[in-house]
Amino acid sequence: MTSLFKINSKLLFLITITFLTSMTLAVLGKEEAVSWVNLNLESLINYSVINPLSMKIYFFIIYIFLTSLSLPVAFILGLLSGMLFDIYHAVLIVSFASSIGATLAFLLSRFLFKDYFQGIFSNQYEKINKGFMKNGVYYLYALRMIPIFPYFIINLTFGLTTMKANMFYIVTQIGMLPMTLLIILMGKEMFNVLTTDVAINSNMIILLLLLGLLPLVFKYFMRKYL
């Protein structure tokens, strides 16, 4: 009987491809995402259909690992989750994995690389620390709802502040949930476009509009915390 956690050669290949692709995307940019999806999406979906639980577990672990290393791959992985899983499971996986990965990056910054990151992100740290000292956790919540700074920079620079890790995790998970849902829904619509002859539909247009408008709406309502 094959154990759920036994890594066969096919799964090992898929994990390796996912990791290497994420590393490549972090360096080369978004254009490679389209090529990679076209080449490997079918294999990942087939494995997900045959082994749904193990695929979810390994995707969850890979997501945490990559985001804890502060690689800028959260958007790509969010889209991919919408292609591989149903919406409810994708939201659960991405919401918890992104929050755990962000908190691990936060802790690594605080306890292992504090001086290094404080030097690299000195300008961002000065602004973020000033906002945190003025508005506390509400400032982090505002930044999660309004991507003024990249996801990974927020994780690293907040590790240099005095914010408690448990509060960082809670606010991060709540604050990122709306955008997480939007990105997953976009992934689902992208999958429909890639696997059918239908062009970009009205759902995709609406999601793209929301992705652009929501930060502006949040910024208006939370402007006093920024």
C-alpha atoms as a PDB file:
ATOM      1  CA  MET A   1       0.000   0.000   0.000  1.00  0.00           C
ATOM      2  CA  THR A   2       1.401   3.338  -1.066  1.00  0.00           C
ATOM      3  CA  SER A   3       1.735   5.836   1.756  1.00  0.00           C
ATOM      4  CA  LEU A   4       0.254   9.289   1.270  1.00  0.00           C
ATOM      5  CA  PHE A   5       3.601  10.873   2.084  1.00  0.00           C
ATOM      6  CA  LYS A   6       5.723   8.600  -0.059  1.00  0.00           C
ATOM      7  CA  ILE A   7       7.376  10.758  -2.693  1.00  0.00           C
ATOM      8  CA  ASN A   8       7.375   8.808  -5.969  1.00  0.00           C
ATOM      9  CA  SER A   9       9.472   9.851  -8.930  1.00  0.00           C
ATOM     10  CA  LYS A  10       6.639  11.711 -10.642  1.00  0.00           C
ATOM     11  CA  LEU A  11       5.785  13.793  -7.572  1.00  0.00           C
ATOM     12  CA  LEU A  12       9.446  14.533  -6.942  1.00  0.00           C
ATOM     13  CA  PHE A  13       9.701  15.749 -10.521  1.00  0.00           C
ATOM     14  CA  LEU A  14       6.668  18.002 -10.115  1.00  0.00           C
ATOM     15  CA  ILE A  15       7.978  19.467  -6.854  1.00  0.00           C
ATOM     16  CA  THR A  16      11.370  20.109  -8.424  1.00  0.00           C
ATOM     17  CA  ILE A  17       9.784  21.757 -11.454  1.00  0.00           C
ATOM     18  CA  THR A  18       7.606  23.953  -9.240  1.00  0.00           C
ATOM     19  CA  PHE A  19      10.556  25.046  -7.120  1.00  0.00           C
ATOM     20  CA  LEU A  20      12.887  25.737 -10.034  1.00  0.00           C
ATOM     21  CA  THR A  21      10.165  27.546 -11.924  1.00  0.00           C
ATOM     22  CA  SER A  22       9.406  29.760  -8.940  1.00  0.00           C
ATOM     23  CA  MET A  23      13.076  30.593  -8.633  1.00  0.00           C
ATOM     24  CA  THR A  24      13.218  31.410 -12.337  1.00  0.00           C
ATOM     25  CA  LEU A  25      10.124  33.603 -12.165  1.00  0.00           C
ATOM     26  CA  ALA A  26      11.601  35.479  -9.218  1.00  0.00           C
ATOM     27  CA  VAL A  27      14.608  36.383 -11.348  1.00  0.00           C
ATOM     28  CA  LEU A  28      13.238  36.688 -14.869  1.00  0.00           C
ATOM     29  CA  GLY A  29       9.728  38.071 -14.440  1.00  0.00           C
ATOM     30  CA  LYS A  30       6.144  37.407 -15.456  1.00  0.00           C
ATOM     31  CA  GLU A  31       6.548  36.513 -19.137  1.00  0.00           C
ATOM     32  CA  GLU A  32       8.050  33.157 -18.215  1.00  0.00           C
ATOM     33  CA  ALA A  33       4.933  32.426 -16.145  1.00  0.00           C
ATOM     34  CA  VAL A  34       2.805  32.130 -19.283  1.00  0.00           C
ATOM     35  CA  SER A  35       5.286  29.797 -20.984  1.00  0.00           C
ATOM     36  CA  TRP A  36       5.616  27.639 -17.890  1.00  0.00           C
ATOM     37  CA  VAL A  37       1.857  27.340 -17.424  1.00  0.00           C
ATOM     38  CA  ASN A  38       1.406  26.280 -21.040  1.00  0.00           C
ATOM     39  CA  LEU A  39       4.100  23.616 -20.733  1.00  0.00           C
ATOM     40  CA  ASN A  40       3.421  22.146 -17.281  1.00  0.00           C
ATOM     41  CA  LEU A  41      -0.136  22.934 -16.221  1.00  0.00           C
ATOM     42  CA  GLU A  42      -1.589  19.750 -17.688  1.00  0.00           C
ATOM     43  CA  SER A  43       0.841  17.533 -15.745  1.00  0.00           C
ATOM     44  CA  LEU A  44       0.115  19.319 -12.476  1.00  0.00           C
ATOM     45  CA  ILE A  45      -3.648  19.136 -13.003  1.00  0.00           C
ATOM     46  CA  ASN A  46      -3.475  15.427 -13.853  1.00  0.00           C
ATOM     47  CA  TYR A  47      -1.529  14.722 -10.694  1.00  0.00           C
ATOM     48  CA  SER A  48      -3.927  16.858  -8.660  1.00  0.00           C
ATOM     49  CA  VAL A  49      -6.896  14.867  -9.993  1.00  0.00           C
ATOM     50  CA  ILE A  50      -5.278  11.513  -9.234  1.00  0.00           C
ATOM     51  CA  ASN A  51      -3.783  12.506  -5.857  1.00  0.00           C
ATOM     52  CA  PRO A  52      -5.812  15.511  -4.640  1.00  0.00           C
ATOM     53  CA  LEU A  53      -4.858  15.396  -0.964  1.00  0.00           C
ATOM     54  CA  SER A  54      -1.137  14.879  -1.445  1.00  0.00           C
ATOM     55  CA  MET A  55      -1.068  17.621  -4.084  1.00  0.00           C
ATOM     56  CA  LYS A  56      -2.696  20.046  -1.654  1.00  0.00           C
ATOM     57  CA  ILE A  57      -0.240  19.110   1.100  1.00  0.00           C
ATOM     58  CA  TYR A  58       2.846  19.496  -1.069  1.00  0.00           C
ATOM     59  CA  PHE A  59       1.577  22.741  -2.629  1.00  0.00           C
ATOM     60  CA  PHE A  60       0.981  24.076   0.885  1.00  0.00           C
ATOM     61  CA  ILE A  61       4.510  23.129   1.983  1.00  0.00           C
ATOM     62  CA  ILE A  62       6.142  24.532  -1.160  1.00  0.00           C
ATOM     63  CA  TYR A  63       4.200  27.777  -0.817  1.00  0.00           C
ATOM     64  CA  ILE A  64       5.354  28.243   2.781  1.00  0.00           C
ATOM     65  CA  PHE A  65       8.943  27.397   1.893  1.00  0.00           C
ATOM     66  CA  LEU A  66       9.202  29.818  -1.032  1.00  0.00           C
ATOM     67  CA  THR A  67       7.470  32.727   0.698  1.00  0.00           C
ATOM     68  CA  SER A  68       9.491  32.244   3.883  1.00  0.00           C
ATOM     69  CA  LEU A  69      12.594  32.767   1.734  1.00  0.00           C
ATOM     70  CA  SER A  70      11.046  36.076   0.607  1.00  0.00           C
ATOM     71  CA  LEU A  71      10.946  35.076  -3.058  1.00  0.00           C
ATOM     72  CA  PRO A  72       8.455  37.277  -4.948  1.00  0.00           C
ATOM     73  CA  VAL A  73       6.335  34.372  -6.204  1.00  0.00           C
ATOM     74  CA  ALA A  74       3.145  34.771  -4.155  1.00  0.00           C
ATOM     75  CA  PHE A  75       1.116  36.174  -7.065  1.00  0.00           C
ATOM     76  CA  ILE A  76       2.140  33.378  -9.441  1.00  0.00           C
ATOM     77  CA  LEU A  77       1.454  30.673  -6.856  1.00  0.00           C
ATOM     78  CA  GLY A  78      -1.900  32.257  -6.049  1.00  0.00           C
ATOM     79  CA  LEU A  79      -2.913  32.081  -9.709  1.00  0.00           C
ATOM     80  CA  LEU A  80      -1.676  28.504  -9.923  1.00  0.00           C
ATOM     81  CA  SER A  81      -3.728  27.455  -6.902  1.00  0.00           C
ATOM     82  CA  GLY A  82      -6.854  28.750  -8.657  1.00  0.00           C
ATOM     83  CA  MET A  83      -6.011  26.536 -11.626  1.00  0.00           C
ATOM     84  CA  LEU A  84      -5.295  23.406  -9.595  1.00  0.00           C
ATOM     85  CA  PHE A  85      -7.891  23.417  -6.811  1.00  0.00           C
ATOM     86  CA  ASP A  86     -11.491  24.358  -6.221  1.00  0.00           C
ATOM     87  CA  ILE A  87     -11.956  27.866  -4.883  1.00  0.00           C
ATOM     88  CA  TYR A  88     -12.644  26.948  -1.245  1.00  0.00           C
ATOM     89  CA  HIS A  89      -9.594  24.703  -0.907  1.00  0.00           C
ATOM     90  CA  ALA A  90      -7.417  27.179  -2.811  1.00  0.00           C
ATOM     91  CA  VAL A  91      -8.405  30.028  -0.467  1.00  0.00           C
ATOM     92  CA  LEU A  92      -7.700  27.905   2.620  1.00  0.00           C
ATOM     93  CA  ILE A  93      -4.333  26.726   1.300  1.00  0.00           C
ATOM     94  CA  VAL A  94      -3.101  30.094   0.079  1.00  0.00           C
ATOM     95  CA  SER A  95      -4.443  32.114   3.011  1.00  0.00           C
ATOM     96  CA  PHE A  96      -2.754  29.958   5.639  1.00  0.00           C
ATOM     97  CA  ALA A  97       0.399  29.185   3.646  1.00  0.00           C
ATOM     98  CA  SER A  98       1.020  32.836   2.739  1.00  0.00           C
ATOM     99  CA  SER A  99       0.457  33.968   6.327  1.00  0.00           C
ATOM    100  CA  ILE A 100       2.707  31.261   7.777  1.00  0.00           C
ATOM    101  CA  GLY A 101       5.392  31.944   5.154  1.00  0.00           C
ATOM    102  CA  ALA A 102       5.182  35.679   5.828  1.00  0.00           C
ATOM    103  CA  THR A 103       5.550  35.101   9.575  1.00  0.00           C
ATOM    104  CA  LEU A 104       8.564  32.832   9.070  1.00  0.00           C
ATOM    105  CA  ALA A 105      10.188  35.529   6.910  1.00  0.00           C
ATOM    106  CA  PHE A 106       9.308  38.046   9.646  1.00  0.00           C
ATOM    107  CA  LEU A 107      11.049  35.851  12.258  1.00  0.00           C
ATOM    108  CA  LEU A 108      14.097  35.203  10.075  1.00  0.00           C
ATOM    109  CA  SER A 109      14.478  38.930   9.558  1.00  0.00           C
ATOM    110  CA  ARG A 110      14.154  39.644  13.256  1.00  0.00           C
ATOM    111  CA  PHE A 111      16.428  36.974  14.700  1.00  0.00           C
ATOM    112  CA  LEU A 112      18.954  36.093  11.983  1.00  0.00           C
ATOM    113  CA  PHE A 113      19.327  38.922   9.456  1.00  0.00           C
ATOM    114  CA  LYS A 114      18.252  42.051  11.293  1.00  0.00           C
ATOM    115  CA  ASP A 115      21.339  44.165  10.574  1.00  0.00           C
ATOM    116  CA  TYR A 116      21.549  42.957   6.974  1.00  0.00           C
ATOM    117  CA  PHE A 117      17.941  43.770   6.060  1.00  0.00           C
ATOM    118  CA  GLN A 118      17.985  47.021   8.010  1.00  0.00           C
ATOM    119  CA  GLY A 119      20.846  48.098   5.766  1.00  0.00           C
ATOM    120  CA  ILE A 120      19.264  46.940   2.490  1.00  0.00           C
ATOM    121  CA  PHE A 121      15.768  48.247   3.188  1.00  0.00           C
ATOM    122  CA  SER A 122      16.739  51.284   5.233  1.00  0.00           C
ATOM    123  CA  ASN A 123      14.391  53.668   3.399  1.00  0.00           C
ATOM    124  CA  GLN A 124      11.423  51.294   3.525  1.00  0.00           C
ATOM    125  CA  TYR A 125      12.135  50.430   7.143  1.00  0.00           C
ATOM    126  CA  GLU A 126      12.184  54.093   8.142  1.00  0.00           C
ATOM    127  CA  LYS A 127       8.757  54.683   6.579  1.00  0.00           C
ATOM    128  CA  ILE A 128       7.242  51.447   7.877  1.00  0.00           C
ATOM    129  CA  ASN A 129       8.583  51.838  11.396  1.00  0.00           C
ATOM    130  CA  LYS A 130       7.305  55.412  11.532  1.00  0.00           C
ATOM    131  CA  GLY A 131       3.856  54.263  10.389  1.00  0.00           C
ATOM    132  CA  PHE A 132       3.857  51.384  12.858  1.00  0.00           C
ATOM    133  CA  MET A 133       4.852  53.608  15.776  1.00  0.00           C
ATOM    134  CA  LYS A 134       2.059  56.011  14.860  1.00  0.00           C
ATOM    135  CA  ASN A 135      -0.792  53.596  14.099  1.00  0.00           C
ATOM    136  CA  GLY A 136       0.276  50.184  15.427  1.00  0.00           C
ATOM    137  CA  VAL A 137      -1.331  47.099  13.895  1.00  0.00           C
ATOM    138  CA  TYR A 138      -3.718  49.265  11.868  1.00  0.00           C
ATOM    139  CA  TYR A 139      -0.775  50.333   9.740  1.00  0.00           C
ATOM    140  CA  LEU A 140       0.107  46.727   8.907  1.00  0.00           C
ATOM    141  CA  TYR A 141      -3.542  46.039   8.104  1.00  0.00           C
ATOM    142  CA  ALA A 142      -3.616  49.039   5.763  1.00  0.00           C
ATOM    143  CA  LEU A 143      -0.439  47.864   4.000  1.00  0.00           C
ATOM    144  CA  ARG A 144      -1.888  44.372   3.519  1.00  0.00           C
ATOM    145  CA  MET A 145      -5.030  45.822   1.981  1.00  0.00           C
ATOM    146  CA  ILE A 146      -3.134  48.384  -0.113  1.00  0.00           C
ATOM    147  CA  PRO A 147       0.091  47.052  -1.701  1.00  0.00           C
ATOM    148  CA  ILE A 148       2.196  50.179  -1.315  1.00  0.00           C
ATOM    149  CA  PHE A 149       5.208  47.973  -0.615  1.00  0.00           C
ATOM    150  CA  PRO A 150       5.833  44.499  -2.088  1.00  0.00           C
ATOM    151  CA  TYR A 151       4.610  41.560   0.016  1.00  0.00           C
ATOM    152  CA  PHE A 152       8.093  40.300   0.889  1.00  0.00           C
ATOM    153  CA  ILE A 153       9.431  43.735   1.879  1.00  0.00           C
ATOM    154  CA  ILE A 154       6.563  44.158   4.352  1.00  0.00           C
ATOM    155  CA  ASN A 155       7.420  40.782   5.899  1.00  0.00           C
ATOM    156  CA  LEU A 156      11.104  41.576   6.257  1.00  0.00           C
ATOM    157  CA  THR A 157      10.836  45.162   7.450  1.00  0.00           C
ATOM    158  CA  PHE A 158       8.143  44.447  10.033  1.00  0.00           C
ATOM    159  CA  GLY A 159      10.540  41.884  11.480  1.00  0.00           C
ATOM    160  CA  LEU A 160      12.761  44.837  12.315  1.00  0.00           C
ATOM    161  CA  THR A 161      10.012  46.560  14.309  1.00  0.00           C
ATOM    162  CA  THR A 162       8.763  45.687  17.798  1.00  0.00           C
ATOM    163  CA  MET A 163       5.507  44.115  16.591  1.00  0.00           C
ATOM    164  CA  LYS A 164       4.679  40.751  18.187  1.00  0.00           C
ATOM    165  CA  ALA A 165       4.807  37.759  15.862  1.00  0.00           C
ATOM    166  CA  ASN A 166       1.348  36.441  16.760  1.00  0.00           C
ATOM    167  CA  MET A 167      -0.252  39.812  16.015  1.00  0.00           C
ATOM    168  CA  PHE A 168       1.693  40.033  12.745  1.00  0.00           C
ATOM    169  CA  TYR A 169       0.295  36.645  11.705  1.00  0.00           C
ATOM    170  CA  ILE A 170      -3.321  37.463  12.578  1.00  0.00           C
ATOM    171  CA  VAL A 171      -3.350  40.866  10.866  1.00  0.00           C
ATOM    172  CA  THR A 172      -1.542  39.438   7.833  1.00  0.00           C
ATOM    173  CA  GLN A 173      -4.058  36.653   7.339  1.00  0.00           C
ATOM    174  CA  ILE A 174      -7.065  38.945   7.682  1.00  0.00           C
ATOM    175  CA  GLY A 175      -5.569  41.773   5.630  1.00  0.00           C
ATOM    176  CA  MET A 176      -4.484  39.648   2.666  1.00  0.00           C
ATOM    177  CA  LEU A 177      -7.714  37.654   2.367  1.00  0.00           C
ATOM    178  CA  PRO A 178      -9.578  39.942  -0.105  1.00  0.00           C
ATOM    179  CA  MET A 179      -6.684  40.102  -2.577  1.00  0.00           C
ATOM    180  CA  THR A 180      -6.011  36.386  -2.101  1.00  0.00           C
ATOM    181  CA  LEU A 181      -9.571  35.593  -3.151  1.00  0.00           C
ATOM    182  CA  LEU A 182      -9.330  37.870  -6.191  1.00  0.00           C
ATOM    183  CA  ILE A 183      -6.052  36.329  -7.364  1.00  0.00           C
ATOM    184  CA  ILE A 184      -7.419  32.789  -6.988  1.00  0.00           C
ATOM    185  CA  LEU A 185     -10.544  33.697  -8.951  1.00  0.00           C
ATOM    186  CA  MET A 186      -8.306  35.172 -11.644  1.00  0.00           C
ATOM    187  CA  GLY A 187      -6.372  31.907 -11.745  1.00  0.00           C
ATOM    188  CA  LYS A 188      -9.606  30.001 -12.224  1.00  0.00           C
ATOM    189  CA  GLU A 189     -10.641  32.273 -15.094  1.00  0.00           C
ATOM    190  CA  MET A 190      -7.160  32.079 -16.655  1.00  0.00           C
ATOM    191  CA  PHE A 191      -7.434  28.293 -16.585  1.00  0.00           C
ATOM    192  CA  ASN A 192     -10.746  28.510 -18.455  1.00  0.00           C
ATOM    193  CA  VAL A 193      -9.163  30.765 -21.075  1.00  0.00           C
ATOM    194  CA  LEU A 194      -6.108  28.511 -21.478  1.00  0.00           C
ATOM    195  CA  THR A 195      -8.080  25.277 -21.755  1.00  0.00           C
ATOM    196  CA  THR A 196     -10.878  26.459 -24.055  1.00  0.00           C
ATOM    197  CA  ASP A 197     -11.178  28.436 -27.254  1.00  0.00           C
ATOM    198  CA  VAL A 198     -13.052  31.185 -25.441  1.00  0.00           C
ATOM    199  CA  ALA A 199     -11.327  34.553 -25.361  1.00  0.00           C
ATOM    200  CA  ILE A 200     -11.059  36.665 -22.233  1.00  0.00           C
ATOM    201  CA  ASN A 201     -14.584  36.831 -20.861  1.00  0.00           C
ATOM    202  CA  SER A 202     -16.507  39.363 -18.822  1.00  0.00           C
ATOM    203  CA  ASN A 203     -15.577  37.616 -15.542  1.00  0.00           C
ATOM    204  CA  MET A 204     -11.876  38.148 -16.240  1.00  0.00           C
ATOM    205  CA  ILE A 205     -12.457  41.797 -17.113  1.00  0.00           C
ATOM    206  CA  ILE A 206     -14.410  42.336 -13.887  1.00  0.00           C
ATOM    207  CA  LEU A 207     -11.696  40.639 -11.823  1.00  0.00           C
ATOM    208  CA  LEU A 208      -8.986  42.751 -13.439  1.00  0.00           C
ATOM    209  CA  LEU A 209     -10.994  45.885 -12.694  1.00  0.00           C
ATOM    210  CA  LEU A 210     -11.488  44.815  -9.078  1.00  0.00           C
ATOM    211  CA  LEU A 211      -7.789  44.030  -8.739  1.00  0.00           C
ATOM    212  CA  GLY A 212      -7.041  47.601  -9.760  1.00  0.00           C
ATOM    213  CA  LEU A 213      -9.902  49.347  -7.972  1.00  0.00           C
ATOM    214  CA  LEU A 214      -9.948  47.594  -4.589  1.00  0.00           C
ATOM    215  CA  PRO A 215      -6.586  48.995  -3.451  1.00  0.00           C
ATOM    216  CA  LEU A 216      -7.839  52.483  -4.328  1.00  0.00           C
ATOM    217  CA  VAL A 217     -11.059  51.946  -2.376  1.00  0.00           C
ATOM    218  CA  PHE A 218      -9.159  50.554   0.618  1.00  0.00           C
ATOM    219  CA  LYS A 219      -6.730  53.461   0.407  1.00  0.00           C
ATOM    220  CA  TYR A 220      -9.593  55.950   0.625  1.00  0.00           C
ATOM    221  CA  PHE A 221     -11.146  54.322   3.701  1.00  0.00           C
ATOM    222  CA  MET A 222      -7.817  53.671   5.440  1.00  0.00           C
ATOM    223  CA  ARG A 223      -5.991  56.844   4.470  1.00  0.00           C
ATOM    224  CA  LYS A 224      -5.733  58.013   8.077  1.00  0.00           C
ATOM    225  CA  TYR A 225      -3.522  55.006   8.891  1.00  0.00           C
ATOM    226  CA  LEU A 226      -1.097  55.538   6.016  1.00  0.00           C
END
